[in-house]
Amino acid sequence: MERDAELGAAGRLTFTTTEVLMPRVVPPLLARCRRELPEITLHLQTGENLANVRQREADIALRSGGEPDGELIGRLICNIEVAIYAPAAWPNVSEDNLHEQSWITVDESLGHLASSQWLEAEGLMRRAVVRCSSTLAVCRLLEEGLGIGILPCHLGDANPRLRRVSPLLRDCRSQLWLLTPRQLRGVPKVSATVECLAAGLREMKALFEGKTAAI
């Protein structure tokens, strides 16, 4: 019975993603899966570590980053663009006075991010009034008017409490990938779910690439 469930286009799958994709991206994706694949139950996990996918603790992952290694099969969806955002109630922020502003930034735990390295290179980290261990926390503090900060466009452009105050930071872009363990290639329920998720993500491509202000 368990083997039949593994091979059939029905059953339970574990889907893992990052916290930053939860507010705007994941809910409509899961709603789409429920409509189109009601026979599949998704167990949602959030976290940054890809080890759970490589070790078959998760079946599908939605992640930002570069091309996956040989243990994973990856489908590239689109680029993830980022920009600088200010509270909507701060009308005087512009590219010309970024060094005069209070900044909300990520902390050392996210120092590997290209946006973090850009802030360091520009000397803007010294303007930080709060440093956060998550990009979602940066977004929440910007909403409350504590400062300005760098956000992915899928968070910033879709938020009416924020406004973009810079061009896209092209050097800070990443890529959006759907990943599965290589051992699951051809499993019907995995293939069907990946196709459903990919279709939903393609509809959000303009948001990820900074070309629209709403999903």
C-alpha atoms as a PDB file:
ATOM      1  CA  MET A   1       0.000   0.000   0.000  1.00  0.00           C
ATOM      2  CA  GLU A   2       2.770   2.457   0.898  1.00  0.00           C
ATOM      3  CA  ARG A   3       4.620   1.689  -2.347  1.00  0.00           C
ATOM      4  CA  ASP A   4       1.418   2.280  -4.356  1.00  0.00           C
ATOM      5  CA  ALA A   5       0.996   5.666  -2.699  1.00  0.00           C
ATOM      6  CA  GLU A   6       4.595   6.545  -3.547  1.00  0.00           C
ATOM      7  CA  LEU A   7       4.070   5.785  -7.225  1.00  0.00           C
ATOM      8  CA  GLY A   8       0.573   7.193  -7.639  1.00  0.00           C
ATOM      9  CA  ALA A   9      -0.481  10.805  -8.205  1.00  0.00           C
ATOM     10  CA  ALA A  10      -2.004  10.975  -4.722  1.00  0.00           C
ATOM     11  CA  GLY A  11      -0.860  11.002  -1.130  1.00  0.00           C
ATOM     12  CA  ARG A  12       1.260  13.227   1.113  1.00  0.00           C
ATOM     13  CA  LEU A  13       4.257  15.365   0.163  1.00  0.00           C
ATOM     14  CA  THR A  14       6.509  17.572   2.261  1.00  0.00           C
ATOM     15  CA  PHE A  15       7.053  21.012   0.755  1.00  0.00           C
ATOM     16  CA  THR A  16       9.734  23.232   2.258  1.00  0.00           C
ATOM     17  CA  THR A  17      10.374  26.903   1.623  1.00  0.00           C
ATOM     18  CA  THR A  18      11.880  29.983   3.232  1.00  0.00           C
ATOM     19  CA  GLU A  19      10.227  32.387   5.635  1.00  0.00           C
ATOM     20  CA  VAL A  20      10.581  35.315   3.255  1.00  0.00           C
ATOM     21  CA  LEU A  21       8.333  33.603   0.675  1.00  0.00           C
ATOM     22  CA  MET A  22       5.520  32.979   3.130  1.00  0.00           C
ATOM     23  CA  PRO A  23       3.647  36.317   3.226  1.00  0.00           C
ATOM     24  CA  ARG A  24       2.913  36.859  -0.472  1.00  0.00           C
ATOM     25  CA  VAL A  25       3.985  33.820  -2.460  1.00  0.00           C
ATOM     26  CA  VAL A  26       3.197  30.540  -0.721  1.00  0.00           C
ATOM     27  CA  PRO A  27      -0.496  30.991   0.244  1.00  0.00           C
ATOM     28  CA  PRO A  28      -1.764  31.444  -3.346  1.00  0.00           C
ATOM     29  CA  LEU A  29       0.471  28.581  -4.476  1.00  0.00           C
ATOM     30  CA  LEU A  30      -1.000  26.193  -1.923  1.00  0.00           C
ATOM     31  CA  ALA A  31      -4.526  27.357  -2.769  1.00  0.00           C
ATOM     32  CA  ARG A  32      -3.811  26.506  -6.401  1.00  0.00           C
ATOM     33  CA  CYS A  33      -2.567  23.040  -5.443  1.00  0.00           C
ATOM     34  CA  ARG A  34      -5.687  22.372  -3.380  1.00  0.00           C
ATOM     35  CA  ARG A  35      -7.889  23.291  -6.344  1.00  0.00           C
ATOM     36  CA  GLU A  36      -5.963  21.356  -8.979  1.00  0.00           C
ATOM     37  CA  LEU A  37      -4.584  18.436  -6.918  1.00  0.00           C
ATOM     38  CA  PRO A  38      -7.078  17.793  -4.115  1.00  0.00           C
ATOM     39  CA  GLU A  39      -5.853  14.209  -3.752  1.00  0.00           C
ATOM     40  CA  ILE A  40      -2.409  15.426  -2.627  1.00  0.00           C
ATOM     41  CA  THR A  41      -1.833  16.636   0.930  1.00  0.00           C
ATOM     42  CA  LEU A  42       1.093  19.017   1.417  1.00  0.00           C
ATOM     43  CA  HIS A  43       3.025  19.206   4.673  1.00  0.00           C
ATOM     44  CA  LEU A  44       4.527  22.716   4.760  1.00  0.00           C
ATOM     45  CA  GLN A  45       7.889  23.384   6.427  1.00  0.00           C
ATOM     46  CA  THR A  46       9.835  26.634   6.578  1.00  0.00           C
ATOM     47  CA  GLY A  47      13.601  26.880   6.968  1.00  0.00           C
ATOM     48  CA  GLU A  48      16.809  27.767   5.157  1.00  0.00           C
ATOM     49  CA  ASN A  49      18.603  24.415   5.190  1.00  0.00           C
ATOM     50  CA  LEU A  50      18.583  22.290   2.036  1.00  0.00           C
ATOM     51  CA  ALA A  51      19.787  19.205   3.910  1.00  0.00           C
ATOM     52  CA  ASN A  52      16.211  18.109   4.499  1.00  0.00           C
ATOM     53  CA  VAL A  53      15.661  17.868   0.733  1.00  0.00           C
ATOM     54  CA  ARG A  54      18.915  16.038   0.062  1.00  0.00           C
ATOM     55  CA  GLN A  55      18.137  13.550   2.830  1.00  0.00           C
ATOM     56  CA  ARG A  56      14.563  12.938   1.601  1.00  0.00           C
ATOM     57  CA  GLU A  57      13.070  14.604   4.677  1.00  0.00           C
ATOM     58  CA  ALA A  58      11.347  16.924   2.201  1.00  0.00           C
ATOM     59  CA  ASP A  59      10.098  16.148  -1.287  1.00  0.00           C
ATOM     60  CA  ILE A  60       9.958  19.598  -2.904  1.00  0.00           C
ATOM     61  CA  ALA A  61      11.743  22.829  -2.009  1.00  0.00           C
ATOM     62  CA  LEU A  62      11.189  26.394  -3.180  1.00  0.00           C
ATOM     63  CA  ARG A  63      14.409  28.330  -2.687  1.00  0.00           C
ATOM     64  CA  SER A  64      16.465  31.263  -3.878  1.00  0.00           C
ATOM     65  CA  GLY A  65      20.078  30.747  -4.888  1.00  0.00           C
ATOM     66  CA  GLY A  66      22.164  29.379  -7.693  1.00  0.00           C
ATOM     67  CA  GLU A  67      22.093  26.182  -9.721  1.00  0.00           C
ATOM     68  CA  PRO A  68      21.647  23.115  -7.462  1.00  0.00           C
ATOM     69  CA  ASP A  69      24.205  20.354  -7.054  1.00  0.00           C
ATOM     70  CA  GLY A  70      23.950  16.896  -8.552  1.00  0.00           C
ATOM     71  CA  GLU A  71      21.865  15.461  -5.701  1.00  0.00           C
ATOM     72  CA  LEU A  72      18.924  17.693  -6.605  1.00  0.00           C
ATOM     73  CA  ILE A  73      16.873  18.280  -9.725  1.00  0.00           C
ATOM     74  CA  GLY A  74      16.182  21.983 -10.175  1.00  0.00           C
ATOM     75  CA  ARG A  75      13.724  23.988 -12.217  1.00  0.00           C
ATOM     76  CA  LEU A  76      14.671  27.638 -12.629  1.00  0.00           C
ATOM     77  CA  ILE A  77      11.595  29.860 -12.408  1.00  0.00           C
ATOM     78  CA  CYS A  78      12.893  33.428 -12.697  1.00  0.00           C
ATOM     79  CA  ASN A  79      15.201  36.035 -11.198  1.00  0.00           C
ATOM     80  CA  ILE A  80      14.492  37.549  -7.793  1.00  0.00           C
ATOM     81  CA  GLU A  81      15.192  41.273  -7.959  1.00  0.00           C
ATOM     82  CA  VAL A  82      15.740  43.520  -4.945  1.00  0.00           C
ATOM     83  CA  ALA A  83      15.590  47.267  -4.337  1.00  0.00           C
ATOM     84  CA  ILE A  84      15.683  49.808  -1.534  1.00  0.00           C
ATOM     85  CA  TYR A  85      12.369  50.587   0.157  1.00  0.00           C
ATOM     86  CA  ALA A  86      11.233  53.304   2.538  1.00  0.00           C
ATOM     87  CA  PRO A  87       8.054  53.700   4.565  1.00  0.00           C
ATOM     88  CA  ALA A  88       5.357  55.207   2.357  1.00  0.00           C
ATOM     89  CA  ALA A  89       5.023  58.046   4.882  1.00  0.00           C
ATOM     90  CA  TRP A  90       8.658  59.108   4.262  1.00  0.00           C
ATOM     91  CA  PRO A  91       8.298  61.261   1.101  1.00  0.00           C
ATOM     92  CA  ASN A  92      11.762  62.793   1.101  1.00  0.00           C
ATOM     93  CA  VAL A  93      13.892  59.655   0.760  1.00  0.00           C
ATOM     94  CA  SER A  94      15.713  59.359  -2.559  1.00  0.00           C
ATOM     95  CA  GLU A  95      18.860  57.878  -4.072  1.00  0.00           C
ATOM     96  CA  ASP A  96      20.595  61.151  -3.322  1.00  0.00           C
ATOM     97  CA  ASN A  97      20.253  60.966   0.465  1.00  0.00           C
ATOM     98  CA  LEU A  98      20.566  57.268   1.301  1.00  0.00           C
ATOM     99  CA  HIS A  99      23.618  57.947   3.477  1.00  0.00           C
ATOM    100  CA  GLU A 100      21.549  60.311   5.608  1.00  0.00           C
ATOM    101  CA  GLN A 101      18.858  57.760   6.480  1.00  0.00           C
ATOM    102  CA  SER A 102      18.401  55.296   9.313  1.00  0.00           C
ATOM    103  CA  TRP A 103      18.721  51.777   7.968  1.00  0.00           C
ATOM    104  CA  ILE A 104      17.215  48.433   8.942  1.00  0.00           C
ATOM    105  CA  THR A 105      19.557  45.676   7.786  1.00  0.00           C
ATOM    106  CA  VAL A 106      20.189  41.968   8.161  1.00  0.00           C
ATOM    107  CA  ASP A 107      22.811  40.828  10.656  1.00  0.00           C
ATOM    108  CA  GLU A 108      25.940  38.704  10.378  1.00  0.00           C
ATOM    109  CA  SER A 109      23.932  35.491  10.092  1.00  0.00           C
ATOM    110  CA  LEU A 110      22.839  36.663   6.634  1.00  0.00           C
ATOM    111  CA  GLY A 111      26.174  38.173   5.685  1.00  0.00           C
ATOM    112  CA  HIS A 112      26.408  35.810   2.704  1.00  0.00           C
ATOM    113  CA  LEU A 113      23.571  37.647   0.952  1.00  0.00           C
ATOM    114  CA  ALA A 114      24.654  39.847  -1.943  1.00  0.00           C
ATOM    115  CA  SER A 115      22.498  42.651  -0.565  1.00  0.00           C
ATOM    116  CA  SER A 116      24.342  42.496   2.771  1.00  0.00           C
ATOM    117  CA  GLN A 117      27.681  42.667   1.000  1.00  0.00           C
ATOM    118  CA  TRP A 118      26.457  45.622  -1.065  1.00  0.00           C
ATOM    119  CA  LEU A 119      25.504  47.504   2.110  1.00  0.00           C
ATOM    120  CA  GLU A 120      28.954  46.870   3.528  1.00  0.00           C
ATOM    121  CA  ALA A 121      30.659  48.019   0.329  1.00  0.00           C
ATOM    122  CA  GLU A 122      28.577  51.197   0.226  1.00  0.00           C
ATOM    123  CA  GLY A 123      29.317  51.998   3.855  1.00  0.00           C
ATOM    124  CA  LEU A 124      25.636  51.850   4.765  1.00  0.00           C
ATOM    125  CA  MET A 125      25.875  49.187   7.450  1.00  0.00           C
ATOM    126  CA  ARG A 126      27.159  51.857   9.806  1.00  0.00           C
ATOM    127  CA  ARG A 127      23.797  53.618   9.392  1.00  0.00           C
ATOM    128  CA  ALA A 128      21.903  50.598  10.751  1.00  0.00           C
ATOM    129  CA  VAL A 129      19.689  51.318  13.753  1.00  0.00           C
ATOM    130  CA  VAL A 130      18.414  47.710  13.898  1.00  0.00           C
ATOM    131  CA  ARG A 131      19.973  44.568  12.446  1.00  0.00           C
ATOM    132  CA  CYS A 132      17.776  41.497  11.950  1.00  0.00           C
ATOM    133  CA  SER A 133      18.264  37.774  11.513  1.00  0.00           C
ATOM    134  CA  SER A 134      15.558  37.603   8.841  1.00  0.00           C
ATOM    135  CA  THR A 135      14.542  39.601   5.779  1.00  0.00           C
ATOM    136  CA  LEU A 136      10.915  39.337   6.843  1.00  0.00           C
ATOM    137  CA  ALA A 137      11.800  41.110  10.086  1.00  0.00           C
ATOM    138  CA  VAL A 138      13.424  43.899   8.060  1.00  0.00           C
ATOM    139  CA  CYS A 139      10.161  44.276   6.147  1.00  0.00           C
ATOM    140  CA  ARG A 140       8.067  44.473   9.306  1.00  0.00           C
ATOM    141  CA  LEU A 141      10.284  47.172  10.809  1.00  0.00           C
ATOM    142  CA  LEU A 142      10.166  49.208   7.608  1.00  0.00           C
ATOM    143  CA  GLU A 143       6.383  49.049   7.765  1.00  0.00           C
ATOM    144  CA  GLU A 144       6.530  50.573  11.236  1.00  0.00           C
ATOM    145  CA  GLY A 145       8.657  53.467  10.038  1.00  0.00           C
ATOM    146  CA  LEU A 146      11.916  52.593  11.782  1.00  0.00           C
ATOM    147  CA  GLY A 147      14.077  53.123   8.727  1.00  0.00           C
ATOM    148  CA  ILE A 148      14.767  52.157   5.130  1.00  0.00           C
ATOM    149  CA  GLY A 149      16.134  48.858   3.869  1.00  0.00           C
ATOM    150  CA  ILE A 150      16.722  46.403   1.057  1.00  0.00           C
ATOM    151  CA  LEU A 151      13.919  43.964   0.239  1.00  0.00           C
ATOM    152  CA  PRO A 152      13.099  41.521  -2.541  1.00  0.00           C
ATOM    153  CA  CYS A 153      10.546  43.121  -4.848  1.00  0.00           C
ATOM    154  CA  HIS A 154       7.963  40.431  -4.157  1.00  0.00           C
ATOM    155  CA  LEU A 155       7.818  41.771  -0.590  1.00  0.00           C
ATOM    156  CA  GLY A 156       8.340  45.480  -1.155  1.00  0.00           C
ATOM    157  CA  ASP A 157       6.273  46.171  -4.262  1.00  0.00           C
ATOM    158  CA  ALA A 158       3.251  44.297  -2.963  1.00  0.00           C
ATOM    159  CA  ASN A 159       3.217  46.248   0.319  1.00  0.00           C
ATOM    160  CA  PRO A 160       1.136  49.464   0.289  1.00  0.00           C
ATOM    161  CA  ARG A 161       2.944  50.686   3.410  1.00  0.00           C
ATOM    162  CA  LEU A 162       6.249  50.832   1.532  1.00  0.00           C
ATOM    163  CA  ARG A 163       7.583  52.545  -1.583  1.00  0.00           C
ATOM    164  CA  ARG A 164      10.587  51.782  -3.751  1.00  0.00           C
ATOM    165  CA  VAL A 165      13.252  54.488  -3.630  1.00  0.00           C
ATOM    166  CA  SER A 166      15.956  53.018  -5.876  1.00  0.00           C
ATOM    167  CA  PRO A 167      16.382  51.224  -9.179  1.00  0.00           C
ATOM    168  CA  LEU A 168      16.705  47.457  -9.024  1.00  0.00           C
ATOM    169  CA  LEU A 169      20.017  46.444  -7.439  1.00  0.00           C
ATOM    170  CA  ARG A 170      21.081  44.139 -10.259  1.00  0.00           C
ATOM    171  CA  ASP A 171      24.239  42.997  -8.484  1.00  0.00           C
ATOM    172  CA  CYS A 172      22.073  41.680  -5.627  1.00  0.00           C
ATOM    173  CA  ARG A 173      19.656  39.549  -7.649  1.00  0.00           C
ATOM    174  CA  SER A 174      19.255  35.850  -7.020  1.00  0.00           C
ATOM    175  CA  GLN A 175      17.280  33.093  -8.728  1.00  0.00           C
ATOM    176  CA  LEU A 176      14.126  31.234  -7.754  1.00  0.00           C
ATOM    177  CA  TRP A 177      14.317  27.435  -7.971  1.00  0.00           C
ATOM    178  CA  LEU A 178      11.975  24.510  -7.440  1.00  0.00           C
ATOM    179  CA  LEU A 179      14.055  21.569  -6.218  1.00  0.00           C
ATOM    180  CA  THR A 180      13.422  17.857  -5.736  1.00  0.00           C
ATOM    181  CA  PRO A 181      15.688  14.926  -4.803  1.00  0.00           C
ATOM    182  CA  ARG A 182      16.978  13.117  -7.866  1.00  0.00           C
ATOM    183  CA  GLN A 183      15.535   9.853  -6.507  1.00  0.00           C
ATOM    184  CA  LEU A 184      12.001  11.231  -6.960  1.00  0.00           C
ATOM    185  CA  ARG A 185      12.352  11.852 -10.706  1.00  0.00           C
ATOM    186  CA  GLY A 186       9.247  10.508 -12.447  1.00  0.00           C
ATOM    187  CA  VAL A 187       7.149   9.920  -9.296  1.00  0.00           C
ATOM    188  CA  PRO A 188       3.664  11.033 -10.464  1.00  0.00           C
ATOM    189  CA  LYS A 189       2.573  12.938  -7.359  1.00  0.00           C
ATOM    190  CA  VAL A 190       5.879  14.821  -7.264  1.00  0.00           C
ATOM    191  CA  SER A 191       5.796  15.665 -10.976  1.00  0.00           C
ATOM    192  CA  ALA A 192       2.185  16.832 -10.783  1.00  0.00           C
ATOM    193  CA  THR A 193       2.860  19.038  -7.774  1.00  0.00           C
ATOM    194  CA  VAL A 194       6.005  20.568  -9.286  1.00  0.00           C
ATOM    195  CA  GLU A 195       4.078  21.394 -12.473  1.00  0.00           C
ATOM    196  CA  CYS A 196       1.288  23.008 -10.458  1.00  0.00           C
ATOM    197  CA  LEU A 197       3.708  25.052  -8.352  1.00  0.00           C
ATOM    198  CA  ALA A 198       5.726  26.107 -11.397  1.00  0.00           C
ATOM    199  CA  ALA A 199       2.595  27.314 -13.193  1.00  0.00           C
ATOM    200  CA  GLY A 200       1.590  29.408 -10.188  1.00  0.00           C
ATOM    201  CA  LEU A 201       5.079  30.865  -9.831  1.00  0.00           C
ATOM    202  CA  ARG A 202       5.263  31.801 -13.495  1.00  0.00           C
ATOM    203  CA  GLU A 203       2.141  33.916 -12.988  1.00  0.00           C
ATOM    204  CA  MET A 204       4.068  35.827 -10.291  1.00  0.00           C
ATOM    205  CA  LYS A 205       7.175  36.331 -12.424  1.00  0.00           C
ATOM    206  CA  ALA A 206       6.591  40.054 -12.921  1.00  0.00           C
ATOM    207  CA  LEU A 207       6.368  40.538  -9.162  1.00  0.00           C
ATOM    208  CA  PHE A 208       9.614  38.663  -8.515  1.00  0.00           C
ATOM    209  CA  GLU A 209      11.354  40.653 -11.239  1.00  0.00           C
ATOM    210  CA  GLY A 210      10.178  44.041  -9.973  1.00  0.00           C
ATOM    211  CA  LYS A 211       7.792  44.761 -12.844  1.00  0.00           C
ATOM    212  CA  THR A 212       4.533  45.050 -10.913  1.00  0.00           C
ATOM    213  CA  ALA A 213       3.320  46.405  -7.600  1.00  0.00           C
ATOM    214  CA  ALA A 214       0.928  43.562  -6.691  1.00  0.00           C
ATOM    215  CA  ILE A 215       0.311  39.838  -7.143  1.00  0.00           C
END
